N, C-alpha and C. Protein backbone atom coordinates (compact mmCIF):
# COMPACT_ATOMS: atom_id res chain seq x y z
N MET A 1 22.78 -3.23 20.17
CA MET A 1 23.81 -2.56 18.55
C MET A 1 24.26 -1.51 18.74
N GLY A 2 23.88 -0.71 20.31
CA GLY A 2 24.75 0.65 19.99
C GLY A 2 23.18 1.49 19.54
N LYS A 3 22.38 1.41 19.04
CA LYS A 3 21.20 2.26 17.91
C LYS A 3 20.33 3.18 19.16
N GLN A 4 20.26 4.41 18.70
CA GLN A 4 19.19 4.97 19.72
C GLN A 4 17.94 4.95 18.67
N VAL A 5 16.98 4.02 19.80
CA VAL A 5 15.30 4.14 18.94
C VAL A 5 14.56 4.33 19.39
N VAL A 6 13.69 4.74 18.75
CA VAL A 6 12.01 5.72 19.45
C VAL A 6 11.01 5.12 18.57
N VAL A 7 10.05 4.39 19.78
CA VAL A 7 9.01 3.62 19.65
C VAL A 7 7.89 4.23 19.10
N LYS A 8 7.14 4.65 17.86
CA LYS A 8 5.74 4.98 18.12
C LYS A 8 4.43 4.20 17.52
N SER A 9 3.31 4.16 18.36
CA SER A 9 1.83 3.53 17.06
C SER A 9 2.18 4.24 16.05
N GLU A 10 0.75 3.45 14.80
CA GLU A 10 1.25 4.06 13.62
C GLU A 10 0.25 6.00 13.76
N THR A 11 -0.83 5.59 14.52
CA THR A 11 -1.37 7.13 14.77
C THR A 11 -0.91 8.08 15.61
N GLU A 12 0.87 7.88 16.22
CA GLU A 12 0.83 8.45 16.75
C GLU A 12 2.34 9.24 16.23
N ALA A 13 2.99 8.48 15.03
CA ALA A 13 4.02 8.95 14.10
C ALA A 13 3.82 9.99 13.52
N THR A 14 4.35 10.80 13.27
CA THR A 14 4.96 12.47 12.64
C THR A 14 5.40 12.33 11.38
N ALA A 15 5.73 13.05 10.25
CA ALA A 15 6.56 13.52 9.69
C ALA A 15 7.81 13.86 10.61
N GLU A 16 7.43 14.43 11.18
CA GLU A 16 8.69 15.09 12.28
C GLU A 16 9.34 14.26 12.90
N ASP A 17 9.11 12.90 12.83
CA ASP A 17 9.58 11.47 13.63
C ASP A 17 10.23 10.77 12.84
N MET A 18 10.05 11.30 11.32
CA MET A 18 10.61 10.66 9.98
C MET A 18 11.77 11.36 9.74
N ARG A 19 12.55 12.61 10.69
CA ARG A 19 13.24 12.95 10.03
C ARG A 19 14.78 13.11 10.86
N ASP A 20 15.98 13.36 10.05
CA ASP A 20 17.07 12.75 10.75
C ASP A 20 17.25 11.77 11.14
N VAL A 21 16.71 10.29 10.84
CA VAL A 21 17.21 8.96 11.17
C VAL A 21 17.47 8.21 10.21
N ASP A 22 18.24 7.08 10.72
CA ASP A 22 19.13 6.41 9.42
C ASP A 22 18.02 5.61 8.71
N CYS A 23 17.28 4.73 9.51
CA CYS A 23 15.88 3.89 8.93
C CYS A 23 14.72 3.85 9.64
N VAL A 24 14.07 3.66 9.12
CA VAL A 24 12.36 3.42 9.53
C VAL A 24 11.91 2.04 9.73
N VAL A 25 11.22 1.36 10.93
CA VAL A 25 10.99 0.19 10.78
C VAL A 25 9.79 0.03 10.54
N ALA A 26 8.64 -0.17 9.87
CA ALA A 26 7.64 -0.85 10.49
C ALA A 26 7.08 -2.14 10.45
N MET A 27 6.35 -2.07 11.43
CA MET A 27 6.30 -3.56 12.31
C MET A 27 4.91 -3.80 12.08
N GLY A 28 4.33 -4.32 11.30
CA GLY A 28 2.50 -5.11 11.15
C GLY A 28 2.47 -5.13 9.87
N GLY A 29 1.89 -4.79 9.13
CA GLY A 29 1.50 -5.25 7.79
C GLY A 29 1.93 -4.21 6.56
N ASP A 30 0.81 -4.56 5.66
CA ASP A 30 1.43 -3.33 4.66
C ASP A 30 0.76 -1.90 4.95
N HIS A 31 -0.16 -2.06 5.56
CA HIS A 31 -0.89 -0.77 5.74
C HIS A 31 -0.01 0.37 6.59
N THR A 32 0.85 -1.01 7.64
CA THR A 32 1.90 0.34 8.72
C THR A 32 2.82 0.45 7.25
N PHE A 33 2.95 -0.12 6.48
CA PHE A 33 4.26 0.14 5.87
C PHE A 33 3.87 1.24 4.64
N LEU A 34 2.84 1.44 4.26
CA LEU A 34 2.21 2.51 3.26
C LEU A 34 2.58 3.72 3.98
N ARG A 35 1.42 3.78 5.56
CA ARG A 35 1.84 4.88 6.19
C ARG A 35 2.75 5.32 6.98
N ALA A 36 3.61 4.83 7.11
CA ALA A 36 4.88 5.09 7.34
C ALA A 36 5.67 5.25 5.91
N SER A 37 5.66 4.75 4.82
CA SER A 37 6.06 5.69 3.80
C SER A 37 5.85 6.80 3.54
N GLY A 38 4.38 7.31 3.52
CA GLY A 38 3.71 8.83 2.90
C GLY A 38 4.10 9.57 4.44
N LEU A 39 4.97 9.50 5.42
CA LEU A 39 5.44 10.31 6.48
C LEU A 39 7.05 10.88 6.12
N ILE A 40 7.88 10.04 5.23
CA ILE A 40 9.21 9.84 4.89
C ILE A 40 9.30 10.78 4.28
N TRP A 41 9.58 12.04 4.57
CA TRP A 41 10.16 12.71 3.34
C TRP A 41 11.26 13.20 2.06
N ASP A 42 12.47 12.55 2.64
CA ASP A 42 13.68 12.10 2.62
C ASP A 42 13.97 10.52 2.23
N SER A 43 13.65 11.39 0.50
CA SER A 43 13.90 9.44 -0.18
C SER A 43 15.18 8.67 0.07
N ARG A 44 15.88 9.42 0.83
CA ARG A 44 18.13 8.84 1.01
C ARG A 44 16.81 7.88 2.05
N ILE A 45 16.06 7.97 3.13
CA ILE A 45 15.54 7.19 4.26
C ILE A 45 15.11 5.66 3.89
N PRO A 46 15.95 4.98 4.49
CA PRO A 46 15.29 3.25 4.21
C PRO A 46 14.08 3.40 5.37
N LEU A 47 13.01 2.38 4.92
CA LEU A 47 12.24 1.78 5.04
C LEU A 47 11.82 0.38 5.48
N LEU A 48 12.25 -0.53 6.53
CA LEU A 48 12.07 -1.58 6.41
C LEU A 48 10.55 -2.10 6.97
N GLY A 49 10.28 -3.19 6.36
CA GLY A 49 8.73 -3.62 6.49
C GLY A 49 8.61 -4.88 7.34
N ILE A 50 8.54 -4.65 8.43
CA ILE A 50 8.48 -6.04 9.24
C ILE A 50 7.03 -6.73 9.34
N ASN A 51 6.30 -8.06 9.14
CA ASN A 51 5.01 -8.47 8.84
C ASN A 51 5.12 -9.21 10.11
N THR A 52 3.99 -8.57 11.25
CA THR A 52 3.72 -8.99 12.70
C THR A 52 3.46 -10.16 12.96
N ASN A 53 2.26 -10.20 11.77
CA ASN A 53 1.53 -11.68 11.70
C ASN A 53 0.92 -12.19 10.43
N ARG A 54 1.53 -13.06 10.03
CA ARG A 54 1.32 -13.19 8.30
C ARG A 54 0.05 -14.18 8.80
N ASP A 55 -0.41 -14.69 9.42
CA ASP A 55 -1.75 -15.22 9.45
C ASP A 55 -3.14 -14.06 8.82
N VAL A 56 -2.81 -12.55 9.17
CA VAL A 56 -4.05 -11.65 9.06
C VAL A 56 -3.06 -10.46 7.98
N TYR A 57 -1.68 -10.40 8.21
CA TYR A 57 -1.16 -9.57 6.84
C TYR A 57 -0.96 -10.46 5.73
N THR A 58 -1.00 -9.88 4.62
CA THR A 58 -0.62 -10.60 3.31
C THR A 58 1.00 -10.23 3.90
N GLY A 59 2.23 -9.08 3.65
CA GLY A 59 2.95 -8.73 3.67
C GLY A 59 3.91 -8.64 2.15
N VAL A 60 3.36 -7.92 1.71
CA VAL A 60 4.02 -7.77 -0.04
C VAL A 60 5.06 -6.62 0.32
N LEU A 61 4.79 -5.86 1.15
CA LEU A 61 5.96 -4.56 1.08
C LEU A 61 6.39 -5.29 2.61
N ALA A 62 6.03 -5.73 3.39
CA ALA A 62 6.29 -6.43 4.80
C ALA A 62 6.88 -7.82 4.79
N PRO A 63 8.25 -8.00 3.65
CA PRO A 63 8.43 -9.25 3.44
C PRO A 63 9.03 -10.43 5.02
N HIS A 64 9.67 -9.27 5.62
CA HIS A 64 10.16 -10.21 6.70
C HIS A 64 9.41 -10.24 7.70
N TYR A 65 9.89 -11.04 8.78
CA TYR A 65 8.86 -11.36 9.73
C TYR A 65 9.53 -11.91 10.86
N ILE A 66 8.55 -11.52 11.79
CA ILE A 66 8.61 -12.25 13.61
C ILE A 66 7.44 -12.50 13.92
N ASP A 67 8.17 -14.08 14.28
CA ASP A 67 7.34 -14.81 15.18
C ASP A 67 7.47 -14.26 16.58
N ALA A 68 6.01 -14.67 17.20
CA ALA A 68 5.43 -13.71 18.21
C ALA A 68 6.61 -14.83 19.66
N GLU A 69 6.66 -16.10 19.27
CA GLU A 69 7.62 -17.06 19.96
C GLU A 69 8.79 -16.97 19.95
N GLU A 70 9.42 -16.62 19.15
CA GLU A 70 10.86 -16.09 18.47
C GLU A 70 11.27 -14.35 18.43
N GLN A 71 10.39 -13.74 18.67
CA GLN A 71 11.15 -12.36 18.60
C GLN A 71 11.80 -12.09 18.43
N GLU A 72 12.42 -12.34 19.73
CA GLU A 72 14.05 -11.89 19.70
C GLU A 72 15.10 -12.58 19.34
N ARG A 73 14.74 -13.63 18.90
CA ARG A 73 15.91 -14.14 18.41
C ARG A 73 16.00 -13.60 16.57
N HIS A 74 14.58 -13.74 15.75
CA HIS A 74 14.35 -13.07 14.48
C HIS A 74 14.27 -11.15 14.41
N ALA A 75 14.38 -10.80 15.35
CA ALA A 75 14.23 -9.37 15.42
C ALA A 75 15.96 -9.18 15.55
N ALA A 76 16.69 -9.55 16.10
CA ALA A 76 18.43 -9.84 16.21
C ALA A 76 18.64 -10.26 14.66
N MET A 77 18.00 -11.15 14.06
CA MET A 77 18.49 -11.86 12.85
C MET A 77 18.22 -10.91 11.70
N ILE A 78 17.15 -9.96 11.83
CA ILE A 78 16.87 -8.78 11.01
C ILE A 78 17.84 -7.67 11.13
N LEU A 79 17.81 -7.58 12.28
CA LEU A 79 18.68 -5.90 12.72
C LEU A 79 20.29 -6.19 12.17
N GLU A 80 20.48 -7.34 12.38
CA GLU A 80 21.87 -8.03 11.96
C GLU A 80 22.24 -7.77 10.92
N SER A 81 21.87 -8.49 9.98
CA SER A 81 21.68 -8.49 8.64
C SER A 81 21.62 -6.92 8.14
N MET A 82 21.06 -5.84 8.72
CA MET A 82 20.77 -4.79 8.35
C MET A 82 22.36 -3.81 7.91
N ASN A 83 23.40 -4.43 9.94
CA ASN A 83 24.29 -4.36 9.24
C ASN A 83 25.56 -4.51 8.39
N ASP A 84 24.93 -5.91 6.96
CA ASP A 84 25.22 -6.72 6.24
C ASP A 84 25.17 -6.40 5.07
N ASP A 85 26.28 -5.25 4.55
CA ASP A 85 25.88 -4.62 2.74
C ASP A 85 25.22 -5.62 2.13
N HIS A 86 25.82 -7.43 2.04
CA HIS A 86 25.85 -7.70 0.98
C HIS A 86 24.28 -8.62 1.42
N ALA A 87 23.94 -8.51 2.74
CA ALA A 87 23.07 -9.60 3.25
C ALA A 87 21.58 -8.64 2.66
N VAL A 88 21.55 -7.66 2.47
CA VAL A 88 20.49 -6.94 2.53
C VAL A 88 20.19 -6.13 1.19
N GLY A 89 19.38 -6.34 0.46
CA GLY A 89 18.56 -5.43 -0.87
C GLY A 89 17.94 -4.64 -0.42
N TYR A 90 17.89 -3.36 -1.30
CA TYR A 90 16.68 -2.29 -1.21
C TYR A 90 16.07 -2.12 -3.16
N ASP A 91 14.47 -1.79 -2.39
CA ASP A 91 13.98 -1.74 -3.38
C ASP A 91 13.66 -0.06 -3.76
N LYS A 92 14.10 0.53 -5.47
CA LYS A 92 13.79 1.76 -4.91
C LYS A 92 12.01 1.93 -5.49
N ARG A 93 11.09 3.05 -4.89
CA ARG A 93 9.77 2.83 -5.17
C ARG A 93 9.46 4.07 -5.53
N THR A 94 8.37 4.19 -6.52
CA THR A 94 8.03 5.62 -6.82
C THR A 94 7.28 6.31 -5.98
N ARG A 95 7.25 7.34 -5.43
CA ARG A 95 5.88 7.95 -4.67
C ARG A 95 5.58 9.10 -5.30
N ILE A 96 4.25 9.46 -4.88
CA ILE A 96 3.45 10.28 -6.18
C ILE A 96 3.23 11.28 -4.63
N LEU A 97 3.30 12.44 -5.00
CA LEU A 97 3.37 14.10 -4.55
C LEU A 97 1.89 14.18 -4.54
N TYR A 98 1.50 14.51 -3.71
CA TYR A 98 -0.42 15.71 -4.27
C TYR A 98 0.25 16.85 -3.25
N GLU A 99 0.01 17.85 -4.30
CA GLU A 99 0.10 19.06 -3.39
C GLU A 99 -1.21 19.76 -3.19
N ARG A 100 -2.24 19.78 -3.82
CA ARG A 100 -3.20 20.04 -3.36
C ARG A 100 -4.53 19.26 -3.14
N VAL A 101 -4.54 18.70 -2.04
CA VAL A 101 -5.55 17.50 -1.26
C VAL A 101 -6.34 18.03 -0.61
N LYS A 102 -7.75 17.81 -0.70
CA LYS A 102 -8.38 17.80 0.31
C LYS A 102 -9.53 17.07 1.24
N VAL A 103 -9.20 15.62 1.96
CA VAL A 103 -9.94 14.70 2.32
C VAL A 103 -11.42 15.35 2.58
N HIS A 104 -11.38 16.37 3.63
CA HIS A 104 -13.16 16.70 3.56
C HIS A 104 -13.19 18.39 3.01
N GLU A 105 -14.00 18.68 2.41
CA GLU A 105 -14.68 20.50 1.93
C GLU A 105 -14.20 21.51 2.99
N GLU A 106 -13.82 20.85 4.29
CA GLU A 106 -13.93 21.64 5.57
C GLU A 106 -12.51 21.66 5.79
N ASP A 107 -11.49 20.56 5.12
CA ASP A 107 -9.83 20.46 4.91
C ASP A 107 -9.36 21.75 4.66
N GLU A 108 -7.96 21.76 5.22
CA GLU A 108 -7.18 23.12 4.63
C GLU A 108 -6.29 21.43 3.27
N GLU A 109 -5.89 22.77 2.56
CA GLU A 109 -5.19 22.24 1.33
C GLU A 109 -3.54 21.40 2.33
N GLN A 110 -3.15 20.24 1.67
CA GLN A 110 -2.34 19.57 2.21
C GLN A 110 -0.99 18.76 1.42
N LYS A 111 -0.22 18.60 1.44
CA LYS A 111 0.88 18.21 0.76
C LYS A 111 0.66 16.49 1.10
N VAL A 112 0.59 15.54 0.42
CA VAL A 112 0.56 13.98 0.59
C VAL A 112 1.53 13.45 -0.15
N LEU A 113 1.63 12.30 0.15
CA LEU A 113 2.83 11.53 -0.54
C LEU A 113 1.87 10.50 -0.14
N CYS A 114 2.41 9.33 -1.68
CA CYS A 114 1.83 7.98 -1.25
C CYS A 114 2.57 7.23 -1.85
N LEU A 115 2.66 5.85 -1.27
CA LEU A 115 3.65 5.18 -2.25
C LEU A 115 2.69 3.88 -3.37
N ASN A 116 1.51 3.91 -3.18
CA ASN A 116 1.08 3.20 -3.59
C ASN A 116 -0.39 3.77 -4.43
N GLU A 117 -1.53 3.84 -4.33
CA GLU A 117 -2.02 4.68 -5.08
C GLU A 117 -3.26 5.66 -3.82
N ALA A 118 -3.64 6.12 -4.91
CA ALA A 118 -5.17 7.44 -4.52
C ALA A 118 -6.02 7.11 -4.88
N PHE A 119 -7.28 6.79 -4.93
CA PHE A 119 -8.60 7.10 -5.39
C PHE A 119 -9.30 8.69 -5.28
N CYS A 120 -9.40 9.48 -6.14
CA CYS A 120 -10.37 10.94 -5.79
C CYS A 120 -11.59 10.41 -6.51
N ALA A 121 -12.31 11.15 -5.12
CA ALA A 121 -13.79 10.44 -5.97
C ALA A 121 -15.02 11.65 -4.82
N GLU A 122 -16.00 11.60 -5.45
CA GLU A 122 -17.31 12.58 -4.45
C GLU A 122 -17.37 11.56 -3.23
N ARG A 123 -17.66 11.82 -1.98
CA ARG A 123 -17.64 11.49 -0.74
C ARG A 123 -19.12 10.48 -1.10
N ASP A 124 -20.10 11.12 -1.54
CA ASP A 124 -21.28 10.60 -2.07
C ASP A 124 -21.20 9.63 -3.61
N VAL A 125 -20.40 7.86 -3.30
CA VAL A 125 -19.88 7.23 -4.25
C VAL A 125 -21.01 7.21 -5.26
N SER A 126 -22.28 7.23 -5.17
CA SER A 126 -22.99 7.04 -5.81
C SER A 126 -23.11 7.98 -7.19
N SER A 127 -22.45 9.13 -6.82
CA SER A 127 -22.52 10.74 -7.51
C SER A 127 -21.30 10.74 -8.27
N ALA A 128 -21.53 11.19 -9.63
CA ALA A 128 -20.48 11.06 -10.81
C ALA A 128 -19.67 12.19 -9.85
N SER A 129 -18.30 11.51 -10.31
CA SER A 129 -17.12 13.00 -10.04
C SER A 129 -16.73 14.20 -11.27
N ARG A 130 -16.72 15.00 -10.71
CA ARG A 130 -16.61 16.17 -11.85
C ARG A 130 -15.25 16.58 -11.52
N TYR A 131 -14.09 16.78 -12.60
CA TYR A 131 -12.44 17.23 -11.79
C TYR A 131 -11.99 17.74 -13.23
N CYS A 132 -11.20 18.31 -13.12
CA CYS A 132 -9.88 18.55 -13.68
C CYS A 132 -9.06 18.36 -13.95
N VAL A 133 -8.37 18.04 -15.14
CA VAL A 133 -6.75 17.56 -14.49
C VAL A 133 -5.78 17.94 -15.41
N LEU A 134 -5.03 19.01 -14.31
CA LEU A 134 -3.42 19.73 -15.14
C LEU A 134 -2.03 18.47 -15.26
N LYS A 135 -1.39 18.63 -16.46
CA LYS A 135 -0.64 17.56 -16.53
C LYS A 135 1.01 18.77 -16.60
N ASP A 136 1.68 19.17 -15.74
CA ASP A 136 2.91 19.93 -15.80
C ASP A 136 2.40 20.97 -16.28
N GLY A 137 1.09 21.91 -15.77
CA GLY A 137 0.71 22.96 -15.94
C GLY A 137 -0.41 23.30 -17.40
N LYS A 138 -0.16 22.22 -17.57
CA LYS A 138 -1.08 21.95 -19.04
C LYS A 138 -2.55 21.38 -18.69
N ASP A 139 -3.94 22.07 -18.89
CA ASP A 139 -5.09 21.41 -18.76
C ASP A 139 -5.38 20.53 -19.83
N LEU A 140 -5.76 19.74 -19.50
CA LEU A 140 -6.26 18.22 -20.08
C LEU A 140 -7.61 18.14 -20.42
N GLY A 141 -8.40 19.15 -19.43
CA GLY A 141 -9.97 19.16 -20.00
C GLY A 141 -10.22 18.69 -18.13
N VAL A 142 -11.96 18.58 -18.42
CA VAL A 142 -12.40 18.54 -17.51
C VAL A 142 -13.24 16.85 -17.67
N PHE A 143 -13.44 15.88 -16.77
CA PHE A 143 -13.98 14.61 -17.07
C PHE A 143 -14.76 14.43 -15.86
N LYS A 144 -15.72 13.53 -16.43
CA LYS A 144 -16.68 12.74 -15.17
C LYS A 144 -16.70 11.48 -15.56
N SER A 145 -16.45 10.77 -14.12
CA SER A 145 -16.76 9.48 -14.34
C SER A 145 -16.60 9.01 -13.10
N SER A 146 -16.16 7.99 -12.37
CA SER A 146 -16.64 7.34 -10.81
C SER A 146 -15.71 7.62 -10.20
N GLY A 147 -14.30 8.48 -10.69
CA GLY A 147 -13.28 8.88 -9.59
C GLY A 147 -12.49 8.74 -10.86
N LEU A 148 -10.67 8.89 -9.62
CA LEU A 148 -10.06 8.93 -10.95
C LEU A 148 -8.93 8.60 -9.81
N ILE A 149 -8.01 7.20 -10.41
CA ILE A 149 -7.40 6.10 -9.52
C ILE A 149 -5.81 7.29 -9.96
N VAL A 150 -5.11 7.59 -9.40
CA VAL A 150 -3.62 7.92 -9.87
C VAL A 150 -2.57 6.67 -9.16
N SER A 151 -1.75 6.04 -9.65
CA SER A 151 -1.26 5.05 -8.97
C SER A 151 0.41 4.86 -9.52
N THR A 152 1.11 4.29 -8.79
CA THR A 152 2.85 4.36 -8.99
C THR A 152 2.74 2.23 -9.32
N GLY A 153 3.90 2.37 -9.88
CA GLY A 153 3.90 0.68 -9.70
C GLY A 153 3.74 0.30 -8.90
N THR A 154 3.82 0.64 -7.29
CA THR A 154 3.51 -0.48 -6.54
C THR A 154 2.12 -0.91 -6.53
N GLY A 155 1.12 0.61 -6.35
CA GLY A 155 0.06 0.23 -6.69
C GLY A 155 -1.07 -0.15 -7.64
N SER A 156 -0.06 0.05 -8.69
CA SER A 156 -0.88 -0.49 -10.05
C SER A 156 -1.73 -2.32 -9.82
N THR A 157 -0.51 -2.87 -9.21
CA THR A 157 -1.06 -4.66 -9.30
C THR A 157 -1.88 -4.92 -8.43
N GLY A 158 -2.50 -4.30 -7.62
CA GLY A 158 -3.67 -4.38 -6.73
C GLY A 158 -4.90 -4.21 -7.23
N TRP A 159 -5.01 -3.01 -7.76
CA TRP A 159 -5.75 -2.14 -8.71
C TRP A 159 -5.98 -3.55 -10.04
N LEU A 160 -5.22 -3.51 -10.75
CA LEU A 160 -5.16 -4.49 -11.79
C LEU A 160 -5.44 -6.15 -11.19
N TYR A 161 -5.17 -6.61 -10.24
CA TYR A 161 -5.51 -7.72 -9.88
C TYR A 161 -6.98 -7.61 -9.09
N ALA A 162 -7.47 -6.98 -8.39
CA ALA A 162 -8.84 -6.31 -8.52
C ALA A 162 -9.83 -6.61 -9.35
N ALA A 163 -9.27 -5.72 -10.46
CA ALA A 163 -10.05 -5.33 -11.48
C ALA A 163 -10.32 -6.91 -12.62
N ARG A 164 -9.12 -7.51 -12.63
CA ARG A 164 -9.07 -9.17 -13.18
C ARG A 164 -10.15 -10.57 -12.27
N GLN A 165 -10.13 -9.59 -11.08
CA GLN A 165 -10.77 -11.11 -9.93
C GLN A 165 -11.83 -11.82 -10.34
N LEU A 166 -12.18 -12.55 -10.56
CA LEU A 166 -13.36 -13.48 -10.35
C LEU A 166 -14.00 -13.87 -9.34
N THR A 167 -15.55 -13.70 -8.95
CA THR A 167 -16.21 -14.27 -8.66
C THR A 167 -16.31 -15.97 -8.18
N VAL A 168 -16.77 -16.83 -7.38
CA VAL A 168 -17.41 -17.87 -7.55
C VAL A 168 -18.56 -17.70 -8.05
N GLN A 169 -19.79 -16.87 -8.14
CA GLN A 169 -20.79 -16.43 -8.97
C GLN A 169 -20.38 -16.31 -10.09
N GLN A 170 -19.64 -15.58 -10.35
CA GLN A 170 -19.37 -15.33 -11.92
C GLN A 170 -18.95 -16.78 -12.81
N LEU A 171 -17.89 -17.30 -12.18
CA LEU A 171 -17.72 -18.29 -12.66
C LEU A 171 -18.67 -19.45 -13.31
N MET A 172 -19.62 -19.14 -12.03
CA MET A 172 -20.13 -20.28 -12.49
C MET A 172 -21.65 -20.17 -13.25
N GLU A 173 -21.97 -18.63 -12.93
CA GLU A 173 -22.59 -18.14 -14.17
C GLU A 173 -22.02 -18.49 -15.86
N VAL A 174 -20.70 -18.51 -15.80
CA VAL A 174 -19.76 -18.37 -17.03
C VAL A 174 -20.09 -20.00 -17.43
N GLN A 175 -20.08 -20.89 -16.41
CA GLN A 175 -19.93 -22.49 -17.13
C GLN A 175 -21.49 -22.24 -17.27
N ALA A 176 -22.54 -22.10 -16.41
CA ALA A 176 -23.98 -22.03 -16.81
C ALA A 176 -24.25 -21.89 -18.19
N MET A 177 -23.58 -20.84 -19.07
CA MET A 177 -23.61 -20.22 -20.27
C MET A 177 -23.11 -21.33 -21.44
N ILE A 178 -21.95 -21.96 -21.08
CA ILE A 178 -21.27 -22.63 -21.92
C ILE A 178 -21.95 -24.23 -21.80
N GLY A 179 -22.70 -24.31 -20.88
CA GLY A 179 -23.12 -25.70 -20.54
C GLY A 179 -22.21 -26.32 -19.61
N SER A 180 -21.61 -26.42 -18.92
CA SER A 180 -20.60 -27.21 -18.38
C SER A 180 -20.97 -26.59 -16.37
N LEU A 181 -21.95 -27.77 -15.84
CA LEU A 181 -22.55 -27.26 -14.70
C LEU A 181 -21.86 -28.67 -13.75
N SER A 182 -21.10 -29.30 -13.61
CA SER A 182 -20.67 -30.01 -13.26
C SER A 182 -19.09 -30.03 -12.26
N VAL A 183 -19.01 -29.04 -12.65
CA VAL A 183 -17.46 -28.08 -11.72
C VAL A 183 -18.25 -27.87 -10.75
N ASP A 184 -17.89 -28.65 -9.43
CA ASP A 184 -18.33 -28.06 -8.08
C ASP A 184 -18.06 -27.02 -7.60
N GLU A 185 -18.25 -26.23 -6.24
CA GLU A 185 -17.82 -25.09 -5.68
C GLU A 185 -16.55 -24.85 -5.45
N LYS A 186 -15.98 -26.35 -4.67
CA LYS A 186 -14.55 -26.06 -4.48
C LYS A 186 -13.57 -26.18 -5.33
N THR A 187 -13.85 -26.29 -6.46
CA THR A 187 -12.55 -26.10 -7.55
C THR A 187 -13.16 -24.82 -7.97
N ASN A 188 -14.41 -23.99 -8.03
CA ASN A 188 -14.58 -22.77 -8.60
C ASN A 188 -13.73 -21.78 -7.66
N ASP A 189 -13.75 -22.12 -6.54
CA ASP A 189 -13.57 -21.25 -5.16
C ASP A 189 -11.71 -21.52 -5.73
N GLU A 190 -11.48 -22.37 -5.79
CA GLU A 190 -9.90 -22.21 -6.14
C GLU A 190 -9.65 -21.48 -7.53
N LEU A 191 -10.14 -21.80 -8.63
CA LEU A 191 -10.52 -21.23 -10.25
C LEU A 191 -10.33 -19.64 -9.34
N ALA A 192 -11.48 -19.07 -8.84
CA ALA A 192 -11.78 -17.63 -8.74
C ALA A 192 -10.33 -17.01 -8.07
N LYS A 193 -9.75 -17.64 -6.74
CA LYS A 193 -8.16 -17.57 -6.24
C LYS A 193 -7.58 -17.67 -7.26
């Protein structure tokens, strides 16, 4: 197609690789898409997600799919559709910029972009976290809890789903409380999903 392409693995790719490019293509699953999004500092650069294994990756952020047996044909179809302004739709998504993040105590402070969400907590998850929240320079106070979730619209769906999810065991306990023990485990598995 007359385009210069640079291929990097997820672990090799850097923010420098994402500068002055026409498009970034993340091939893998949603994790690969999220990782690439955090490396693209220029919000005008589009990011295309391609799911390379539907049996393993959910592909919410990478809805396009390339089948291994049909990879040349599928890749050509996806890339050719990118040249057609009417065939491709774009979603604009909000990202979070953390300006003072230390992953570990010995780390230097760094700037991090997040498309999904960030969970800030103590390294020892059994310890309560104490943190101060500043919003637009205004001190909102000191808080103590399990941690702090900061989420965009992209990330909030997953957290809400996880928070509302019932396990098969929980369903069985509720049914026992209300006296309905006739529901089988297969039905409860479907209800939990």
